[in-house]
Amino acid sequence: MHLPRGHVAHIEERKIGGYLLSATHLVGRHKLRFFESVGFSRDRPEDLTAVLRVLALDGTVTRVLQSPHGTRYIVDGVVVSPAGAVVPLRTVWIAPAPGAAPRFVTAYPRHP
């Protein structure tokens, strides 16, 4: 199964630059180390945004969970970094209401 309405999934810029690629965010700084180690850069957040969009379209939904904020989708897939690294990622998306466009929540390495 693919992410429902993945073609209109929303990724906020602050989630990329202010979280996943942030050197100062309490949680994000640890994710930054990972993303930089495989070839992503704080100087080019659009590269990470682009692969997340690919996962929204082509990734595999591995879990669906209900929460007070809506339906959470765990989406797994493999992307290629700007450095050519093949990177297995797990992403989390949330749709606040049935039929709503999913919103990006987070991403982290997926260990096979």
N, C-alpha and C. Protein backbone atom coordinates (compact mmCIF):
# COMPACT_ATOMS: atom_id res chain seq x y z
N MET A 1 0.85 -1.18 0.00
CA MET A 1 0.00 0.00 0.00
C MET A 1 0.89 1.24 0.00
N HIS A 2 0.50 2.23 -0.78
CA HIS A 2 1.20 3.51 -0.80
C HIS A 2 0.47 4.51 0.10
N LEU A 3 1.16 5.59 0.44
CA LEU A 3 0.59 6.64 1.28
C LEU A 3 -0.64 7.24 0.59
N PRO A 4 -1.81 7.16 1.22
CA PRO A 4 -2.99 7.76 0.61
C PRO A 4 -2.78 9.26 0.38
N ARG A 5 -3.10 9.70 -0.81
CA ARG A 5 -2.97 11.10 -1.21
C ARG A 5 -1.51 11.58 -1.13
N GLY A 6 -0.59 10.65 -1.33
CA GLY A 6 0.83 10.99 -1.29
C GLY A 6 1.21 12.04 -2.32
N HIS A 7 0.47 12.12 -3.40
CA HIS A 7 0.75 13.10 -4.45
C HIS A 7 0.51 14.54 -3.99
N VAL A 8 -0.20 14.71 -2.89
CA VAL A 8 -0.43 16.06 -2.35
C VAL A 8 0.12 16.19 -0.93
N ALA A 9 1.02 15.29 -0.56
CA ALA A 9 1.62 15.34 0.78
C ALA A 9 2.33 16.66 1.00
N HIS A 10 2.25 17.15 2.23
CA HIS A 10 2.82 18.46 2.57
C HIS A 10 4.07 18.26 3.43
N ILE A 11 5.16 18.93 3.04
CA ILE A 11 6.40 18.90 3.80
C ILE A 11 6.76 20.34 4.13
N GLU A 12 6.69 20.70 5.40
CA GLU A 12 7.02 22.06 5.81
C GLU A 12 8.53 22.27 5.77
N GLU A 13 8.96 23.40 5.24
CA GLU A 13 10.39 23.71 5.17
C GLU A 13 11.04 23.67 6.55
N ARG A 14 10.33 24.11 7.57
CA ARG A 14 10.92 24.14 8.92
C ARG A 14 11.19 22.74 9.44
N LYS A 15 10.47 21.74 8.94
CA LYS A 15 10.72 20.35 9.35
C LYS A 15 12.05 19.86 8.80
N ILE A 16 12.46 20.42 7.67
CA ILE A 16 13.72 20.00 7.07
C ILE A 16 14.86 20.83 7.66
N GLY A 17 14.87 22.12 7.41
CA GLY A 17 15.95 22.99 7.87
C GLY A 17 15.99 23.21 9.37
N GLY A 18 14.84 23.24 10.00
CA GLY A 18 14.78 23.53 11.43
C GLY A 18 14.74 22.30 12.32
N TYR A 19 14.72 21.13 11.71
CA TYR A 19 14.62 19.90 12.49
C TYR A 19 15.61 18.85 11.98
N LEU A 20 15.33 18.23 10.82
CA LEU A 20 16.18 17.14 10.34
C LEU A 20 17.60 17.58 10.00
N LEU A 21 17.76 18.80 9.51
CA LEU A 21 19.08 19.28 9.14
C LEU A 21 19.56 20.40 10.06
N SER A 22 19.09 20.39 11.30
CA SER A 22 19.48 21.41 12.27
C SER A 22 20.60 20.91 13.18
N ALA A 23 21.62 21.75 13.33
CA ALA A 23 22.73 21.41 14.24
C ALA A 23 22.39 21.74 15.69
N THR A 24 21.30 22.47 15.92
CA THR A 24 20.97 22.91 17.28
C THR A 24 19.69 22.30 17.84
N HIS A 25 18.86 21.72 17.01
CA HIS A 25 17.61 21.12 17.50
C HIS A 25 17.95 19.94 18.41
N LEU A 26 17.30 19.85 19.54
CA LEU A 26 17.59 18.83 20.55
C LEU A 26 17.57 17.41 19.97
N VAL A 27 16.59 17.10 19.17
CA VAL A 27 16.48 15.78 18.54
C VAL A 27 17.09 15.79 17.14
N GLY A 28 16.82 16.84 16.40
CA GLY A 28 17.25 16.92 15.01
C GLY A 28 18.75 16.87 14.81
N ARG A 29 19.51 17.39 15.77
CA ARG A 29 20.97 17.41 15.57
C ARG A 29 21.55 16.01 15.43
N HIS A 30 20.91 15.03 16.06
CA HIS A 30 21.36 13.65 15.93
C HIS A 30 21.00 13.10 14.54
N LYS A 31 19.87 13.52 14.04
CA LYS A 31 19.46 13.09 12.70
C LYS A 31 20.33 13.77 11.65
N LEU A 32 20.74 15.01 11.92
CA LEU A 32 21.63 15.71 11.00
C LEU A 32 22.90 14.92 10.78
N ARG A 33 23.46 14.39 11.84
CA ARG A 33 24.70 13.61 11.69
C ARG A 33 24.50 12.45 10.72
N PHE A 34 23.37 11.77 10.87
CA PHE A 34 23.08 10.66 9.95
C PHE A 34 22.93 11.16 8.52
N PHE A 35 22.08 12.17 8.33
CA PHE A 35 21.82 12.64 6.96
C PHE A 35 23.09 13.19 6.31
N GLU A 36 23.92 13.89 7.05
CA GLU A 36 25.19 14.36 6.48
C GLU A 36 26.12 13.19 6.15
N SER A 37 26.09 12.15 6.96
CA SER A 37 26.99 11.01 6.73
C SER A 37 26.68 10.27 5.43
N VAL A 38 25.45 10.40 4.94
CA VAL A 38 25.09 9.72 3.70
C VAL A 38 25.04 10.67 2.51
N GLY A 39 25.36 11.96 2.74
CA GLY A 39 25.49 12.87 1.61
C GLY A 39 24.53 14.03 1.52
N PHE A 40 23.61 14.17 2.48
CA PHE A 40 22.73 15.34 2.47
C PHE A 40 23.44 16.50 3.16
N SER A 41 22.99 17.73 2.89
CA SER A 41 23.68 18.90 3.40
C SER A 41 22.69 19.96 3.89
N ARG A 42 23.10 20.66 4.95
CA ARG A 42 22.29 21.79 5.43
C ARG A 42 22.18 22.87 4.37
N ASP A 43 23.17 22.95 3.49
CA ASP A 43 23.18 23.97 2.44
C ASP A 43 22.19 23.68 1.31
N ARG A 44 21.73 22.43 1.23
CA ARG A 44 20.80 22.04 0.16
C ARG A 44 19.64 21.22 0.73
N PRO A 45 18.81 21.86 1.56
CA PRO A 45 17.68 21.12 2.15
C PRO A 45 16.71 20.57 1.10
N GLU A 46 16.70 21.19 -0.06
CA GLU A 46 15.79 20.74 -1.12
C GLU A 46 16.10 19.32 -1.58
N ASP A 47 17.35 18.88 -1.42
CA ASP A 47 17.69 17.51 -1.79
C ASP A 47 16.96 16.50 -0.90
N LEU A 48 16.93 16.79 0.40
CA LEU A 48 16.22 15.90 1.32
C LEU A 48 14.72 15.98 1.09
N THR A 49 14.22 17.18 0.88
CA THR A 49 12.79 17.34 0.59
C THR A 49 12.40 16.52 -0.63
N ALA A 50 13.23 16.53 -1.65
CA ALA A 50 12.92 15.80 -2.89
C ALA A 50 12.81 14.30 -2.65
N VAL A 51 13.73 13.72 -1.88
CA VAL A 51 13.65 12.27 -1.66
C VAL A 51 12.47 11.93 -0.75
N LEU A 52 12.11 12.83 0.15
CA LEU A 52 10.93 12.58 0.98
C LEU A 52 9.66 12.59 0.14
N ARG A 53 9.62 13.46 -0.86
CA ARG A 53 8.47 13.47 -1.78
C ARG A 53 8.38 12.16 -2.56
N VAL A 54 9.53 11.63 -2.95
CA VAL A 54 9.55 10.34 -3.66
C VAL A 54 8.98 9.26 -2.75
N LEU A 55 9.39 9.26 -1.47
CA LEU A 55 8.85 8.27 -0.53
C LEU A 55 7.35 8.43 -0.34
N ALA A 56 6.87 9.67 -0.33
CA ALA A 56 5.43 9.89 -0.18
C ALA A 56 4.66 9.24 -1.32
N LEU A 57 5.27 9.20 -2.49
CA LEU A 57 4.62 8.60 -3.66
C LEU A 57 4.87 7.11 -3.80
N ASP A 58 6.11 6.69 -3.56
CA ASP A 58 6.51 5.33 -3.90
C ASP A 58 6.82 4.43 -2.72
N GLY A 59 6.91 5.01 -1.51
CA GLY A 59 7.23 4.20 -0.34
C GLY A 59 6.10 3.24 0.00
N THR A 60 6.40 2.31 0.88
CA THR A 60 5.43 1.30 1.30
C THR A 60 4.92 1.61 2.70
N VAL A 61 3.62 1.72 2.85
CA VAL A 61 3.03 1.90 4.17
C VAL A 61 3.18 0.58 4.92
N THR A 62 3.90 0.63 6.05
CA THR A 62 4.12 -0.59 6.82
C THR A 62 3.26 -0.65 8.08
N ARG A 63 2.74 0.50 8.50
CA ARG A 63 1.84 0.54 9.66
C ARG A 63 0.90 1.72 9.51
N VAL A 64 -0.30 1.55 10.02
CA VAL A 64 -1.29 2.62 10.09
C VAL A 64 -1.78 2.67 11.53
N LEU A 65 -1.68 3.84 12.14
CA LEU A 65 -2.04 4.00 13.55
C LEU A 65 -3.01 5.17 13.70
N GLN A 66 -3.96 5.01 14.58
CA GLN A 66 -4.87 6.11 14.88
C GLN A 66 -4.34 6.88 16.07
N SER A 67 -4.43 8.19 16.01
CA SER A 67 -4.00 9.03 17.13
C SER A 67 -5.01 10.15 17.29
N PRO A 68 -4.92 10.89 18.39
CA PRO A 68 -5.84 12.03 18.57
C PRO A 68 -5.66 13.10 17.48
N HIS A 69 -4.51 13.07 16.79
CA HIS A 69 -4.23 14.08 15.77
C HIS A 69 -4.59 13.62 14.36
N GLY A 70 -5.01 12.37 14.22
CA GLY A 70 -5.39 11.85 12.91
C GLY A 70 -4.79 10.48 12.68
N THR A 71 -4.72 10.09 11.42
CA THR A 71 -4.18 8.78 11.06
C THR A 71 -2.70 8.93 10.74
N ARG A 72 -1.88 8.16 11.46
CA ARG A 72 -0.43 8.17 11.24
C ARG A 72 -0.06 7.02 10.32
N TYR A 73 0.78 7.33 9.36
CA TYR A 73 1.25 6.33 8.41
C TYR A 73 2.76 6.20 8.55
N ILE A 74 3.24 5.00 8.75
CA ILE A 74 4.66 4.71 8.74
C ILE A 74 4.99 4.22 7.34
N VAL A 75 5.89 4.93 6.68
CA VAL A 75 6.21 4.64 5.28
C VAL A 75 7.70 4.35 5.17
N ASP A 76 8.02 3.19 4.63
CA ASP A 76 9.41 2.77 4.44
C ASP A 76 9.77 2.79 2.96
N GLY A 77 11.04 3.03 2.72
CA GLY A 77 11.53 2.99 1.35
C GLY A 77 13.02 3.18 1.30
N VAL A 78 13.54 3.14 0.11
CA VAL A 78 14.96 3.32 -0.12
C VAL A 78 15.11 4.51 -1.06
N VAL A 79 16.03 5.42 -0.70
CA VAL A 79 16.29 6.60 -1.52
C VAL A 79 17.77 6.63 -1.86
N VAL A 80 18.12 7.46 -2.83
CA VAL A 80 19.52 7.66 -3.19
C VAL A 80 19.88 9.09 -2.80
N SER A 81 20.95 9.22 -2.02
CA SER A 81 21.38 10.54 -1.55
C SER A 81 22.13 11.27 -2.65
N PRO A 82 22.37 12.57 -2.47
CA PRO A 82 23.15 13.32 -3.47
C PRO A 82 24.55 12.75 -3.69
N ALA A 83 25.09 12.03 -2.70
CA ALA A 83 26.41 11.42 -2.83
C ALA A 83 26.34 10.03 -3.48
N GLY A 84 25.13 9.58 -3.80
CA GLY A 84 24.96 8.28 -4.44
C GLY A 84 24.76 7.13 -3.46
N ALA A 85 24.65 7.44 -2.17
CA ALA A 85 24.42 6.39 -1.17
C ALA A 85 22.98 5.89 -1.26
N VAL A 86 22.82 4.58 -1.19
CA VAL A 86 21.50 3.98 -1.14
C VAL A 86 21.11 3.91 0.33
N VAL A 87 20.02 4.61 0.67
CA VAL A 87 19.67 4.84 2.07
C VAL A 87 18.26 4.32 2.37
N PRO A 88 18.15 3.30 3.24
CA PRO A 88 16.82 2.87 3.67
C PRO A 88 16.29 3.85 4.73
N LEU A 89 15.12 4.40 4.48
CA LEU A 89 14.52 5.37 5.41
C LEU A 89 13.15 4.91 5.87
N ARG A 90 12.82 5.34 7.06
CA ARG A 90 11.46 5.21 7.59
C ARG A 90 10.96 6.64 7.77
N THR A 91 9.76 6.90 7.29
CA THR A 91 9.15 8.22 7.44
C THR A 91 7.82 8.07 8.15
N VAL A 92 7.39 9.15 8.76
CA VAL A 92 6.10 9.18 9.43
C VAL A 92 5.32 10.37 8.87
N TRP A 93 4.07 10.10 8.54
CA TRP A 93 3.17 11.09 7.97
C TRP A 93 1.87 11.05 8.77
N ILE A 94 1.15 12.16 8.82
CA ILE A 94 -0.15 12.16 9.50
C ILE A 94 -1.18 12.87 8.64
N ALA A 95 -2.35 12.26 8.56
CA ALA A 95 -3.49 12.86 7.88
C ALA A 95 -4.48 13.25 8.97
N PRO A 96 -4.72 14.56 9.17
CA PRO A 96 -5.56 14.99 10.29
C PRO A 96 -7.02 14.58 10.20
N ALA A 97 -7.48 14.28 9.00
CA ALA A 97 -8.88 13.87 8.81
C ALA A 97 -8.95 12.95 7.59
N PRO A 98 -9.98 12.12 7.50
CA PRO A 98 -10.12 11.26 6.32
C PRO A 98 -10.13 12.09 5.03
N GLY A 99 -9.31 11.68 4.07
CA GLY A 99 -9.25 12.39 2.80
C GLY A 99 -8.34 13.60 2.77
N ALA A 100 -7.78 13.97 3.94
CA ALA A 100 -6.90 15.14 4.00
C ALA A 100 -5.51 14.79 3.47
N ALA A 101 -4.81 15.79 2.98
CA ALA A 101 -3.43 15.59 2.52
C ALA A 101 -2.56 15.24 3.73
N PRO A 102 -1.72 14.23 3.60
CA PRO A 102 -0.84 13.87 4.71
C PRO A 102 0.26 14.91 4.90
N ARG A 103 0.67 15.07 6.15
CA ARG A 103 1.72 16.00 6.54
C ARG A 103 2.93 15.21 6.99
N PHE A 104 4.11 15.64 6.58
CA PHE A 104 5.34 14.98 6.99
C PHE A 104 5.60 15.26 8.47
N VAL A 105 5.99 14.21 9.22
CA VAL A 105 6.29 14.35 10.64
C VAL A 105 7.79 14.17 10.88
N THR A 106 8.36 13.06 10.45
CA THR A 106 9.78 12.81 10.70
C THR A 106 10.32 11.74 9.77
N ALA A 107 11.64 11.62 9.78
CA ALA A 107 12.33 10.57 9.02
C ALA A 107 13.55 10.14 9.81
N TYR A 108 13.91 8.87 9.66
CA TYR A 108 15.10 8.36 10.32
C TYR A 108 15.55 7.11 9.58
N PRO A 109 16.80 6.69 9.83
CA PRO A 109 17.28 5.50 9.12
C PRO A 109 16.48 4.27 9.49
N ARG A 110 16.24 3.44 8.51
CA ARG A 110 15.56 2.17 8.75
C ARG A 110 16.61 1.07 8.67
N HIS A 111 16.68 0.29 9.68
CA HIS A 111 17.64 -0.80 9.70
C HIS A 111 16.96 -2.07 9.23
N PRO A 112 17.50 -2.67 8.17
CA PRO A 112 16.86 -3.88 7.62
C PRO A 112 16.82 -5.03 8.60
